[in-house]
Every structure is written in structure tokens, then in C-alpha cells.
Amino acid sequence: MFLGQFSKEEQAIFLNLAYTMMYADHEVKDDEREKFQLYQSEVEADITKAEVVDFVAELAKFQNLDITKKKMLLFELLGIAFADAEYAEDERVLMEQAAAFLSVSPVDIERMMTLVQDLAHIYQEVNEVIMR
């Protein structure tokens, strides 16, 4: 949704963060794989080069972004965290670390979580209507 707002280098860093988030609970579901594959249409970076990284060290590369871009980044990470309709404890811990590290308020994170879940339900309903 927002990845086009980032440079190619920033997109590559995001992909590593998203990939790490996807593997956080040691179980990658089809919905997560599909969501990750969709990133290729949004980014210039090559998604096949993404890898599991030290989450906080990689996140540090975004420390100097303005608050709007930080929120965009966290919204996108929440999207992959909720891609399988579950929010595993390990994913929650990573998101809390990210929000604290990037100085995004818990209120904003809670609101983004609600919006990500609402969007997921809307997409599911659209698919149900189209596939009938």
C-alpha cells in the first residue's frame, strides 16, 4: 500500500523486516507467503533476496525517517503480521519493539492494528462476492 513511498534501498530493508516478521513464529502459512509475494508488484527491490535478519539492527536503518514514513512502515509490517489472520506472540513482540524503537505511540499502533484487521475482512468479503 505504502511501499512505493520508499527508496529501493529502503524497500529492500523493509522486505528483510517483513520476511523476519513472517518467520517470527517459526510457521509460515500460505496466506503469509501470498502476502509477501504481492510485495513484488509494489517494490523495485527483489523479494527473492529477502532474508531473516536481526530485526532491531535492521530497523535502526529507519530511525531517521519522518514520523509519517515510520507509521507507513509499521502499517505494512502489521499487514504481514496479520496476513494469516493470527497475531502470534513472537510477532507481537517484534511489533512492540518496532513501535518503541521508532517512537510511534501505542495509541497509533492500536488504531493501525484495527485498520489492518478491517482491511483484511473487507478483502475477504470482496473475494467471497467475486468468487460466488
C-alpha atoms as a PDB file:
ATOM      1  CA  MET A   1       0.000   0.000   0.000  1.00  0.00           C
ATOM      2  CA  PHE A   2       2.745   2.485   1.004  1.00  0.00           C
ATOM      3  CA  LEU A   3       5.906   0.775  -0.201  1.00  0.00           C
ATOM      4  CA  GLY A   4       6.140   2.946  -3.307  1.00  0.00           C
ATOM      5  CA  GLN A   5       6.875   5.881  -0.988  1.00  0.00           C
ATOM      6  CA  PHE A   6      10.221   4.322  -0.043  1.00  0.00           C
ATOM      7  CA  SER A   7      13.507   4.222  -1.954  1.00  0.00           C
ATOM      8  CA  LYS A   8      14.682   0.948  -3.482  1.00  0.00           C
ATOM      9  CA  GLU A   9      17.200   0.556  -0.650  1.00  0.00           C
ATOM     10  CA  GLU A  10      14.516   1.219   1.976  1.00  0.00           C
ATOM     11  CA  GLN A  11      12.237  -1.287   0.239  1.00  0.00           C
ATOM     12  CA  ALA A  12      14.947  -3.948   0.456  1.00  0.00           C
ATOM     13  CA  ILE A  13      15.333  -3.263   4.178  1.00  0.00           C
ATOM     14  CA  PHE A  14      11.550  -3.440   4.607  1.00  0.00           C
ATOM     15  CA  LEU A  15      11.464  -6.786   2.787  1.00  0.00           C
ATOM     16  CA  ASN A  16      14.016  -8.173   5.251  1.00  0.00           C
ATOM     17  CA  LEU A  17      11.918  -6.914   8.158  1.00  0.00           C
ATOM     18  CA  ALA A  18       8.732  -8.378   6.664  1.00  0.00           C
ATOM     19  CA  TYR A  19      10.478 -11.687   5.968  1.00  0.00           C
ATOM     20  CA  THR A  20      11.721 -11.784   9.558  1.00  0.00           C
ATOM     21  CA  MET A  21       8.199 -10.998  10.803  1.00  0.00           C
ATOM     22  CA  MET A  22       6.801 -13.769   8.617  1.00  0.00           C
ATOM     23  CA  TYR A  23       9.183 -16.300  10.205  1.00  0.00           C
ATOM     24  CA  ALA A  24       8.861 -14.927  13.762  1.00  0.00           C
ATOM     25  CA  ASP A  25       6.514 -17.685  14.920  1.00  0.00           C
ATOM     26  CA  HIS A  26       8.511 -20.381  13.063  1.00  0.00           C
ATOM     27  CA  GLU A  27       5.453 -21.235  10.988  1.00  0.00           C
ATOM     28  CA  VAL A  28       4.882 -19.638   7.591  1.00  0.00           C
ATOM     29  CA  LYS A  29       1.355 -20.111   6.311  1.00  0.00           C
ATOM     30  CA  ASP A  30       0.159 -19.834   2.720  1.00  0.00           C
ATOM     31  CA  ASP A  31      -1.575 -16.506   3.437  1.00  0.00           C
ATOM     32  CA  GLU A  32       1.724 -15.043   4.632  1.00  0.00           C
ATOM     33  CA  ARG A  33       3.588 -16.345   1.582  1.00  0.00           C
ATOM     34  CA  GLU A  34       0.938 -14.895  -0.729  1.00  0.00           C
ATOM     35  CA  LYS A  35       1.042 -11.501   1.004  1.00  0.00           C
ATOM     36  CA  PHE A  36       4.832 -11.465   0.749  1.00  0.00           C
ATOM     37  CA  GLN A  37       4.702 -12.362  -2.962  1.00  0.00           C
ATOM     38  CA  LEU A  38       2.354  -9.418  -3.555  1.00  0.00           C
ATOM     39  CA  TYR A  39       5.100  -7.056  -2.433  1.00  0.00           C
ATOM     40  CA  GLN A  40       6.907  -7.697  -5.724  1.00  0.00           C
ATOM     41  CA  SER A  41       4.284  -5.660  -7.561  1.00  0.00           C
ATOM     42  CA  GLU A  42       4.827  -2.746  -5.152  1.00  0.00           C
ATOM     43  CA  VAL A  43       8.603  -2.571  -4.897  1.00  0.00           C
ATOM     44  CA  GLU A  44      11.623  -2.173  -7.126  1.00  0.00           C
ATOM     45  CA  ALA A  45      13.715  -4.358  -4.818  1.00  0.00           C
ATOM     46  CA  ASP A  46      13.936  -8.100  -5.488  1.00  0.00           C
ATOM     47  CA  ILE A  47      11.813 -10.008  -2.970  1.00  0.00           C
ATOM     48  CA  THR A  48      13.797 -13.209  -3.589  1.00  0.00           C
ATOM     49  CA  LYS A  49      16.788 -11.609  -1.852  1.00  0.00           C
ATOM     50  CA  ALA A  50      14.914 -11.066   1.419  1.00  0.00           C
ATOM     51  CA  GLU A  51      16.251 -12.905   4.437  1.00  0.00           C
ATOM     52  CA  VAL A  52      15.737 -13.281   8.162  1.00  0.00           C
ATOM     53  CA  VAL A  53      17.740 -10.549   9.884  1.00  0.00           C
ATOM     54  CA  ASP A  54      18.390  -9.086  13.312  1.00  0.00           C
ATOM     55  CA  PHE A  55      15.098  -7.194  13.496  1.00  0.00           C
ATOM     56  CA  VAL A  56      16.216  -4.291  15.689  1.00  0.00           C
ATOM     57  CA  ALA A  57      19.515  -3.810  13.842  1.00  0.00           C
ATOM     58  CA  GLU A  58      17.676  -3.662  10.507  1.00  0.00           C
ATOM     59  CA  LEU A  59      15.009  -1.401  11.983  1.00  0.00           C
ATOM     60  CA  ALA A  60      17.737   1.010  13.106  1.00  0.00           C
ATOM     61  CA  LYS A  61      18.254   1.882   9.448  1.00  0.00           C
ATOM     62  CA  PHE A  62      14.851   3.612   9.557  1.00  0.00           C
ATOM     63  CA  GLN A  63      15.485   5.608  12.711  1.00  0.00           C
ATOM     64  CA  ASN A  64      15.907   8.906  10.843  1.00  0.00           C
ATOM     65  CA  LEU A  65      12.696   8.664   8.814  1.00  0.00           C
ATOM     66  CA  ASP A  66       9.991  11.214   9.488  1.00  0.00           C
ATOM     67  CA  ILE A  67       7.083  10.048  11.635  1.00  0.00           C
ATOM     68  CA  THR A  68       4.759   9.611   8.644  1.00  0.00           C
ATOM     69  CA  LYS A  69       7.121   7.155   6.956  1.00  0.00           C
ATOM     70  CA  LYS A  70       7.682   5.355  10.258  1.00  0.00           C
ATOM     71  CA  LYS A  71       3.928   4.860  10.569  1.00  0.00           C
ATOM     72  CA  MET A  72       3.742   3.659   6.953  1.00  0.00           C
ATOM     73  CA  LEU A  73       6.479   1.140   7.700  1.00  0.00           C
ATOM     74  CA  LEU A  74       4.711  -0.137  10.813  1.00  0.00           C
ATOM     75  CA  PHE A  75       1.376  -0.349   8.998  1.00  0.00           C
ATOM     76  CA  GLU A  76       2.983  -2.509   6.313  1.00  0.00           C
ATOM     77  CA  LEU A  77       4.621  -4.723   8.955  1.00  0.00           C
ATOM     78  CA  LEU A  78       1.276  -5.157  10.686  1.00  0.00           C
ATOM     79  CA  GLY A  79      -0.116  -6.269   7.327  1.00  0.00           C
ATOM     80  CA  ILE A  80       2.302  -9.195   7.159  1.00  0.00           C
ATOM     81  CA  ALA A  81       1.849  -9.944  10.869  1.00  0.00           C
ATOM     82  CA  PHE A  82      -1.915 -10.311  10.360  1.00  0.00           C
ATOM     83  CA  ALA A  83      -1.711 -11.947   6.908  1.00  0.00           C
ATOM     84  CA  ASP A  84      -2.571 -15.362   8.345  1.00  0.00           C
ATOM     85  CA  ALA A  85      -5.413 -13.927  10.490  1.00  0.00           C
ATOM     86  CA  GLU A  86      -3.348 -14.611  13.612  1.00  0.00           C
ATOM     87  CA  TYR A  87      -1.135 -12.337  15.653  1.00  0.00           C
ATOM     88  CA  ALA A  88       1.400 -14.668  17.214  1.00  0.00           C
ATOM     89  CA  GLU A  89       3.161 -13.694  20.419  1.00  0.00           C
ATOM     90  CA  ASP A  90       6.530 -13.501  18.641  1.00  0.00           C
ATOM     91  CA  GLU A  91       5.023 -11.157  16.041  1.00  0.00           C
ATOM     92  CA  ARG A  92       3.508  -9.001  18.781  1.00  0.00           C
ATOM     93  CA  VAL A  93       6.893  -8.719  20.499  1.00  0.00           C
ATOM     94  CA  LEU A  94       8.568  -7.618  17.251  1.00  0.00           C
ATOM     95  CA  MET A  95       5.856  -5.027  16.604  1.00  0.00           C
ATOM     96  CA  GLU A  96       6.156  -3.647  20.131  1.00  0.00           C
ATOM     97  CA  GLN A  97       9.920  -3.377  19.683  1.00  0.00           C
ATOM     98  CA  ALA A  98       9.444  -1.634  16.342  1.00  0.00           C
ATOM     99  CA  ALA A  99       6.887   0.844  17.680  1.00  0.00           C
ATOM    100  CA  ALA A 100       9.029   1.704  20.698  1.00  0.00           C
ATOM    101  CA  PHE A 101      12.223   1.956  18.665  1.00  0.00           C
ATOM    102  CA  LEU A 102      10.603   4.225  16.076  1.00  0.00           C
ATOM    103  CA  SER A 103       8.764   6.283  18.744  1.00  0.00           C
ATOM    104  CA  VAL A 104       5.275   5.557  17.433  1.00  0.00           C
ATOM    105  CA  SER A 105       2.652   5.773  20.156  1.00  0.00           C
ATOM    106  CA  PRO A 106       0.757   2.716  21.404  1.00  0.00           C
ATOM    107  CA  VAL A 107      -2.478   4.539  20.519  1.00  0.00           C
ATOM    108  CA  ASP A 108      -1.382   4.852  16.883  1.00  0.00           C
ATOM    109  CA  ILE A 109      -0.307   1.191  16.789  1.00  0.00           C
ATOM    110  CA  GLU A 110      -3.655   0.047  18.215  1.00  0.00           C
ATOM    111  CA  ARG A 111      -5.519   2.110  15.620  1.00  0.00           C
ATOM    112  CA  MET A 112      -3.355   0.715  12.818  1.00  0.00           C
ATOM    113  CA  MET A 113      -3.984  -2.831  14.073  1.00  0.00           C
ATOM    114  CA  THR A 114      -7.723  -2.249  13.893  1.00  0.00           C
ATOM    115  CA  LEU A 115      -7.436  -0.806  10.391  1.00  0.00           C
ATOM    116  CA  VAL A 116      -5.283  -3.706   9.153  1.00  0.00           C
ATOM    117  CA  GLN A 117      -7.823  -6.191  10.506  1.00  0.00           C
ATOM    118  CA  ASP A 118     -10.712  -4.230   8.981  1.00  0.00           C
ATOM    119  CA  LEU A 119      -8.952  -4.184   5.600  1.00  0.00           C
ATOM    120  CA  ALA A 120      -8.362  -7.932   5.784  1.00  0.00           C
ATOM    121  CA  HIS A 121     -12.071  -8.518   6.406  1.00  0.00           C
ATOM    122  CA  ILE A 122     -13.042  -6.246   3.529  1.00  0.00           C
ATOM    123  CA  TYR A 123     -10.695  -8.065   1.134  1.00  0.00           C
ATOM    124  CA  GLN A 124     -12.102 -11.392   2.307  1.00  0.00           C
ATOM    125  CA  GLU A 125     -15.671 -10.212   1.690  1.00  0.00           C
ATOM    126  CA  VAL A 126     -14.774  -8.880  -1.761  1.00  0.00           C
ATOM    127  CA  ASN A 127     -13.210 -12.227  -2.661  1.00  0.00           C
ATOM    128  CA  GLU A 128     -16.297 -14.076  -1.427  1.00  0.00           C
ATOM    129  CA  VAL A 129     -18.597 -11.924  -3.565  1.00  0.00           C
ATOM    130  CA  ILE A 130     -16.413 -12.239  -6.652  1.00  0.00           C
ATOM    131  CA  MET A 131     -15.813 -15.978  -6.308  1.00  0.00           C
ATOM    132  CA  ARG A 132     -19.503 -16.893  -5.902  1.00  0.00           C
END
